[in-house]
Amino acid sequence: LRRAGQASFVLKSPLPKGTLGPFPEADLPSCTAWVPALTSQLLGGYTSARVSVFDVRHGTQVLDLFPEGGASSAAAVTSARAQQLSQLVATGHADHKARLLDLPSGRFVGQVKHPDCVTA
């Protein structure tokens, strides 16, 4: 017997409705990536440089962090790619840096400078 799988998930702003909180502009999702090593987790990158991880089975946010320097549209997340077998994620940013995120620790563990915006 074959079953068709279907899923949906809504990203909600952590800010109160009608406000932008500490951000000078809207904090919008700019990219997403599934985490193959944790099949129920979806990573979202934002225009404020925020990186969040959601558990899509439970509809909860399990991680929310900013790179060093905090919220900044100059460091907006432009791309994300999760490693196939481990719980490492590479994120590309508008500030010319690629960052490595270790999901179990919930911390950025490295970064590489690039001559231009990192988009892939």
Foldseek 3Di string as FASTA:
>chain_A
DDDDDDADADDDDPDPPPDCPPDPDHWAFQDKEAAQQLRQKIWTWTLQQWIWIARRVVRGTDAIDHAPPGGDSCFGWQDKYHDNHAQWMWTWGQVQKIWIARVVVRHTDDIDGHPGGDHD
